[in-house]
């Protein structure tokens, strides 16, 4: 299915947010996620089903000041 991730279109086979993160290589660090503008906590990612056209945001913390 086609999804929008951080403004770029991807085609994925994943059915859940957690599966998509693994498929696209985001399974290593601390990140924040949102689907269609709604924050999704880490504990809810496996149960968050994806649908074609979903807008997903993945943000990693930055260091600096």
PDB file of N, CA and C in Angstrom:
ATOM      1  N   UNK A   1       0.846  -1.179   0.000  1.00  0.00           N
ATOM      2  CA  UNK A   1       0.000   0.000   0.000  1.00  0.00           C
ATOM      3  C   UNK A   1       0.883   1.231   0.000  1.00  0.00           C
ATOM      4  N   UNK A   2       0.349   2.331  -0.494  1.00  0.00           N
ATOM      5  CA  UNK A   2       1.106   3.582  -0.547  1.00  0.00           C
ATOM      6  C   UNK A   2       0.748   4.443   0.667  1.00  0.00           C
ATOM      7  N   UNK A   3       1.803   4.921   1.315  1.00  0.00           N
ATOM      8  CA  UNK A   3       1.643   5.806   2.467  1.00  0.00           C
ATOM      9  C   UNK A   3       2.553   7.019   2.274  1.00  0.00           C
ATOM     10  N   UNK A   4       2.294   8.064   3.019  1.00  0.00           N
ATOM     11  CA  UNK A   4       3.140   9.246   3.002  1.00  0.00           C
ATOM     12  C   UNK A   4       3.913   9.271   4.317  1.00  0.00           C
ATOM     13  N   UNK A   5       5.229   9.184   4.240  1.00  0.00           N
ATOM     14  CA  UNK A   5       6.078   9.190   5.434  1.00  0.00           C
ATOM     15  C   UNK A   5       6.959  10.418   5.396  1.00  0.00           C
ATOM     16  N   UNK A   6       6.737  11.320   6.333  1.00  0.00           N
ATOM     17  CA  UNK A   6       7.518  12.555   6.433  1.00  0.00           C
ATOM     18  C   UNK A   6       7.572  13.300   5.104  1.00  0.00           C
ATOM     19  N   UNK A   7       6.455  13.281   4.367  1.00  0.00           N
ATOM     20  CA  UNK A   7       6.364  14.032   3.127  1.00  0.00           C
ATOM     21  C   UNK A   7       6.815  13.292   1.880  1.00  0.00           C
ATOM     22  N   UNK A   8       7.225  12.042   2.016  1.00  0.00           N
ATOM     23  CA  UNK A   8       7.668  11.232   0.881  1.00  0.00           C
ATOM     24  C   UNK A   8       6.765  10.015   0.759  1.00  0.00           C
ATOM     25  N   UNK A   9       6.379   9.683  -0.448  1.00  0.00           N
ATOM     26  CA  UNK A   9       5.509   8.533  -0.679  1.00  0.00           C
ATOM     27  C   UNK A   9       6.327   7.246  -0.719  1.00  0.00           C
ATOM     28  N   UNK A  10       5.851   6.235   0.006  1.00  0.00           N
ATOM     29  CA  UNK A  10       6.471   4.914   0.030  1.00  0.00           C
ATOM     30  C   UNK A  10       5.402   3.868  -0.238  1.00  0.00           C
ATOM     31  N   UNK A  11       5.816   2.750  -0.817  1.00  0.00           N
ATOM     32  CA  UNK A  11       4.947   1.596  -0.948  1.00  0.00           C
ATOM     33  C   UNK A  11       5.444   0.556   0.040  1.00  0.00           C
ATOM     34  N   UNK A  12       4.580   0.109   0.931  1.00  0.00           N
ATOM     35  CA  UNK A  12       4.955  -0.848   1.975  1.00  0.00           C
ATOM     36  C   UNK A  12       3.987  -2.031   1.970  1.00  0.00           C
ATOM     37  N   UNK A  13       4.454  -3.154   2.527  1.00  0.00           N
ATOM     38  CA  UNK A  13       3.580  -4.316   2.699  1.00  0.00           C
ATOM     39  C   UNK A  13       3.069  -4.398   4.131  1.00  0.00           C
ATOM     40  N   UNK A  14       3.654  -3.620   5.025  1.00  0.00           N
ATOM     41  CA  UNK A  14       3.271  -3.619   6.438  1.00  0.00           C
ATOM     42  C   UNK A  14       1.798  -3.283   6.610  1.00  0.00           C
ATOM     43  N   UNK A  15       1.178  -3.905   7.603  1.00  0.00           N
ATOM     44  CA  UNK A  15      -0.223  -3.642   7.915  1.00  0.00           C
ATOM     45  C   UNK A  15      -0.392  -2.804   9.181  1.00  0.00           C
ATOM     46  N   UNK A  16       0.663  -2.739  10.018  1.00  0.00           N
ATOM     47  CA  UNK A  16       0.594  -1.947  11.248  1.00  0.00           C
ATOM     48  C   UNK A  16       1.729  -0.931  11.261  1.00  0.00           C
ATOM     49  N   UNK A  17       1.611   0.052  12.117  1.00  0.00           N
ATOM     50  CA  UNK A  17       2.655   1.053  12.252  1.00  0.00           C
ATOM     51  C   UNK A  17       3.958   0.407  12.698  1.00  0.00           C
ATOM     52  N   UNK A  18       3.897  -0.516  13.644  1.00  0.00           N
ATOM     53  CA  UNK A  18       5.114  -1.188  14.126  1.00  0.00           C
ATOM     54  C   UNK A  18       5.802  -1.944  12.998  1.00  0.00           C
ATOM     55  N   UNK A  19       5.026  -2.646  12.177  1.00  0.00           N
ATOM     56  CA  UNK A  19       5.596  -3.386  11.045  1.00  0.00           C
ATOM     57  C   UNK A  19       6.230  -2.438  10.033  1.00  0.00           C
ATOM     58  N   UNK A  20       5.583  -1.291   9.787  1.00  0.00           N
ATOM     59  CA  UNK A  20       6.127  -0.316   8.848  1.00  0.00           C
ATOM     60  C   UNK A  20       7.456   0.244   9.329  1.00  0.00           C
ATOM     61  N   UNK A  21       7.554   0.503  10.637  1.00  0.00           N
ATOM     62  CA  UNK A  21       8.801   1.026  11.185  1.00  0.00           C
ATOM     63  C   UNK A  21       9.948   0.040  10.972  1.00  0.00           C
ATOM     64  N   UNK A  22       9.681  -1.237  11.164  1.00  0.00           N
ATOM     65  CA  UNK A  22      10.706  -2.263  10.933  1.00  0.00           C
ATOM     66  C   UNK A  22      11.039  -2.334   9.447  1.00  0.00           C
ATOM     67  N   UNK A  23      10.009  -2.370   8.615  1.00  0.00           N
ATOM     68  CA  UNK A  23      10.206  -2.482   7.169  1.00  0.00           C
ATOM     69  C   UNK A  23      11.069  -1.348   6.610  1.00  0.00           C
ATOM     70  N   UNK A  24      10.890  -0.146   7.147  1.00  0.00           N
ATOM     71  CA  UNK A  24      11.615   1.010   6.631  1.00  0.00           C
ATOM     72  C   UNK A  24      12.849   1.371   7.454  1.00  0.00           C
ATOM     73  N   UNK A  25      13.225   0.516   8.410  1.00  0.00           N
ATOM     74  CA  UNK A  25      14.490   0.680   9.110  1.00  0.00           C
ATOM     75  C   UNK A  25      14.478   1.621  10.303  1.00  0.00           C
ATOM     76  N   UNK A  26      13.319   1.873  10.891  1.00  0.00           N
ATOM     77  CA  UNK A  26      13.225   2.756  12.062  1.00  0.00           C
ATOM     78  C   UNK A  26      13.150   1.983  13.370  1.00  0.00           C
ATOM     79  N   UNK A  27      13.591   0.744  13.392  1.00  0.00           N
ATOM     80  CA  UNK A  27      13.396  -0.107  14.564  1.00  0.00           C
ATOM     81  C   UNK A  27      14.526  -0.024  15.584  1.00  0.00           C
ATOM     82  N   UNK A  28      15.481   0.899  15.431  1.00  0.00           N
ATOM     83  CA  UNK A  28      16.625   0.907  16.319  1.00  0.00           C
ATOM     84  C   UNK A  28      16.611   1.899  17.453  1.00  0.00           C
ATOM     85  N   UNK A  29      16.129   3.100  17.240  1.00  0.00           N
ATOM     86  CA  UNK A  29      16.293   4.132  18.248  1.00  0.00           C
ATOM     87  C   UNK A  29      14.992   4.640  18.830  1.00  0.00           C
ATOM     88  N   UNK A  30      15.134   5.681  19.621  1.00  0.00           N
ATOM     89  CA  UNK A  30      13.987   6.327  20.238  1.00  0.00           C
ATOM     90  C   UNK A  30      13.371   7.279  19.227  1.00  0.00           C
ATOM     91  N   UNK A  31      12.086   7.114  18.967  1.00  0.00           N
ATOM     92  CA  UNK A  31      11.385   7.953  17.999  1.00  0.00           C
ATOM     93  C   UNK A  31       9.999   8.295  18.519  1.00  0.00           C
ATOM     94  N   UNK A  32       9.409   9.310  17.920  1.00  0.00           N
ATOM     95  CA  UNK A  32       8.006   9.656  18.164  1.00  0.00           C
ATOM     96  C   UNK A  32       7.269   9.432  16.854  1.00  0.00           C
ATOM     97  N   UNK A  33       6.018   8.971  16.939  1.00  0.00           N
ATOM     98  CA  UNK A  33       5.253   8.682  15.731  1.00  0.00           C
ATOM     99  C   UNK A  33       3.866   9.317  15.790  1.00  0.00           C
ATOM    100  N   UNK A  34       3.363   9.646  14.603  1.00  0.00           N
ATOM    101  CA  UNK A  34       1.999  10.153  14.463  1.00  0.00           C
ATOM    102  C   UNK A  34       1.420   9.610  13.168  1.00  0.00           C
ATOM    103  N   UNK A  35       0.140   9.320  13.178  1.00  0.00           N
ATOM    104  CA  UNK A  35      -0.572   8.883  11.984  1.00  0.00           C
ATOM    105  C   UNK A  35      -1.721   9.860  11.760  1.00  0.00           C
ATOM    106  N   UNK A  36      -1.720  10.470  10.595  1.00  0.00           N
ATOM    107  CA  UNK A  36      -2.744  11.463  10.233  1.00  0.00           C
ATOM    108  C   UNK A  36      -2.876  12.555  11.287  1.00  0.00           C
ATOM    109  N   UNK A  37      -1.717  12.980  11.812  1.00  0.00           N
ATOM    110  CA  UNK A  37      -1.681  14.081  12.764  1.00  0.00           C
ATOM    111  C   UNK A  37      -1.984  13.716  14.203  1.00  0.00           C
ATOM    112  N   UNK A  38      -2.186  12.433  14.484  1.00  0.00           N
ATOM    113  CA  UNK A  38      -2.499  11.996  15.849  1.00  0.00           C
ATOM    114  C   UNK A  38      -1.319  11.209  16.402  1.00  0.00           C
ATOM    115  N   UNK A  39      -0.781  11.652  17.545  1.00  0.00           N
ATOM    116  CA  UNK A  39       0.343  10.986  18.198  1.00  0.00           C
ATOM    117  C   UNK A  39       0.000   9.536  18.502  1.00  0.00           C
ATOM    118  N   UNK A  40       0.955   8.636  18.226  1.00  0.00           N
ATOM    119  CA  UNK A  40       0.780   7.215  18.532  1.00  0.00           C
ATOM    120  C   UNK A  40       1.917   6.799  19.462  1.00  0.00           C
ATOM    121  N   UNK A  41       1.622   6.503  20.737  1.00  0.00           N
ATOM    122  CA  UNK A  41       2.672   6.082  21.667  1.00  0.00           C
ATOM    123  C   UNK A  41       3.252   4.728  21.257  1.00  0.00           C
ATOM    124  N   UNK A  42       4.467   4.467  21.689  1.00  0.00           N
ATOM    125  CA  UNK A  42       5.162   3.227  21.322  1.00  0.00           C
ATOM    126  C   UNK A  42       4.336   1.986  21.634  1.00  0.00           C
ATOM    127  N   UNK A  43       3.668   1.979  22.760  1.00  0.00           N
ATOM    128  CA  UNK A  43       2.883   0.808  23.169  1.00  0.00           C
ATOM    129  C   UNK A  43       1.697   0.538  22.249  1.00  0.00           C
ATOM    130  N   UNK A  44       1.269   1.534  21.478  1.00  0.00           N
ATOM    131  CA  UNK A  44       0.096   1.373  20.611  1.00  0.00           C
ATOM    132  C   UNK A  44       0.459   1.118  19.147  1.00  0.00           C
ATOM    133  N   UNK A  45       1.724   1.127  18.813  1.00  0.00           N
ATOM    134  CA  UNK A  45       2.130   1.005  17.409  1.00  0.00           C
ATOM    135  C   UNK A  45       1.741  -0.333  16.785  1.00  0.00           C
ATOM    136  N   UNK A  46       1.881  -1.427  17.513  1.00  0.00           N
ATOM    137  CA  UNK A  46       1.553  -2.745  16.958  1.00  0.00           C
ATOM    138  C   UNK A  46       0.069  -2.858  16.646  1.00  0.00           C
ATOM    139  N   UNK A  47      -0.762  -2.184  17.403  1.00  0.00           N
ATOM    140  CA  UNK A  47      -2.206  -2.245  17.197  1.00  0.00           C
ATOM    141  C   UNK A  47      -2.757  -1.158  16.291  1.00  0.00           C
ATOM    142  N   UNK A  48      -1.883  -0.300  15.771  1.00  0.00           N
ATOM    143  CA  UNK A  48      -2.315   0.784  14.898  1.00  0.00           C
ATOM    144  C   UNK A  48      -2.238   0.316  13.452  1.00  0.00           C
ATOM    145  N   UNK A  49      -3.411   0.052  12.880  1.00  0.00           N
ATOM    146  CA  UNK A  49      -3.505  -0.429  11.502  1.00  0.00           C
ATOM    147  C   UNK A  49      -3.275   0.717  10.530  1.00  0.00           C
ATOM    148  N   UNK A  50      -2.592   0.428   9.446  1.00  0.00           N
ATOM    149  CA  UNK A  50      -2.354   1.420   8.410  1.00  0.00           C
ATOM    150  C   UNK A  50      -3.344   1.230   7.268  1.00  0.00           C
ATOM    151  N   UNK A  51      -3.635   2.327   6.594  1.00  0.00           N
ATOM    152  CA  UNK A  51      -4.533   2.319   5.440  1.00  0.00           C
ATOM    153  C   UNK A  51      -3.865   3.102   4.318  1.00  0.00           C
ATOM    154  N   UNK A  52      -4.154   2.730   3.098  1.00  0.00           N
ATOM    155  CA  UNK A  52      -3.586   3.433   1.951  1.00  0.00           C
ATOM    156  C   UNK A  52      -3.855   4.929   2.080  1.00  0.00           C
ATOM    157  N   UNK A  53      -2.818   5.720   1.838  1.00  0.00           N
ATOM    158  CA  UNK A  53      -2.950   7.167   1.892  1.00  0.00           C
ATOM    159  C   UNK A  53      -2.698   7.784   3.254  1.00  0.00           C
ATOM    160  N   UNK A  54      -2.447   6.959   4.291  1.00  0.00           N
ATOM    161  CA  UNK A  54      -2.160   7.515   5.617  1.00  0.00           C
ATOM    162  C   UNK A  54      -0.934   8.413   5.554  1.00  0.00           C
ATOM    163  N   UNK A  55      -0.969   9.473   6.369  1.00  0.00           N
ATOM    164  CA  UNK A  55       0.168  10.387   6.524  1.00  0.00           C
ATOM    165  C   UNK A  55       0.850  10.050   7.843  1.00  0.00           C
ATOM    166  N   UNK A  56       2.075   9.586   7.752  1.00  0.00           N
ATOM    167  CA  UNK A  56       2.806   9.147   8.938  1.00  0.00           C
ATOM    168  C   UNK A  56       4.003  10.063   9.151  1.00  0.00           C
ATOM    169  N   UNK A  57       4.213  10.420  10.404  1.00  0.00           N
ATOM    170  CA  UNK A  57       5.379  11.221  10.767  1.00  0.00           C
ATOM    171  C   UNK A  57       6.199  10.434  11.764  1.00  0.00           C
ATOM    172  N   UNK A  58       7.511  10.402  11.521  1.00  0.00           N
ATOM    173  CA  UNK A  58       8.455   9.759  12.430  1.00  0.00           C
ATOM    174  C   UNK A  58       9.516  10.802  12.746  1.00  0.00           C
ATOM    175  N   UNK A  59       9.669  11.090  14.034  1.00  0.00           N
ATOM    176  CA  UNK A  59      10.625  12.089  14.485  1.00  0.00           C
ATOM    177  C   UNK A  59      11.583  11.482  15.484  1.00  0.00           C
ATOM    178  N   UNK A  60      12.855  11.809  15.322  1.00  0.00           N
ATOM    179  CA  UNK A  60      13.874  11.365  16.261  1.00  0.00           C
ATOM    180  C   UNK A  60      14.344  12.577  17.069  1.00  0.00           C
ATOM    181  N   UNK A  61      14.651  12.371  18.358  1.00  0.00           N
ATOM    182  CA  UNK A  61      15.147  13.496  19.161  1.00  0.00           C
ATOM    183  C   UNK A  61      16.488  13.991  18.635  1.00  0.00           C
ATOM    184  N   UNK A  62      16.697  15.293  18.778  1.00  0.00           N
ATOM    185  CA  UNK A  62      17.964  15.887  18.329  1.00  0.00           C
ATOM    186  C   UNK A  62      18.713  16.440  19.523  1.00  0.00           C
ATOM    187  N   UNK A  63      20.031  16.392  19.447  1.00  0.00           N
ATOM    188  CA  UNK A  63      20.854  16.969  20.503  1.00  0.00           C
ATOM    189  C   UNK A  63      21.330  18.350  20.057  1.00  0.00           C
ATOM    190  N   UNK A  64      21.675  19.135  21.010  1.00  0.00           N
ATOM    191  CA  UNK A  64      22.187  20.464  20.691  1.00  0.00           C
ATOM    192  C   UNK A  64      21.496  21.510  21.537  1.00  0.00           C
ATOM    193  N   UNK A  65      21.815  22.725  21.266  1.00  0.00           N
ATOM    194  CA  UNK A  65      21.170  23.733  22.081  1.00  0.00           C
ATOM    195  C   UNK A  65      21.379  25.119  21.608  1.00  0.00           C
TER     196      UNK A  65
END
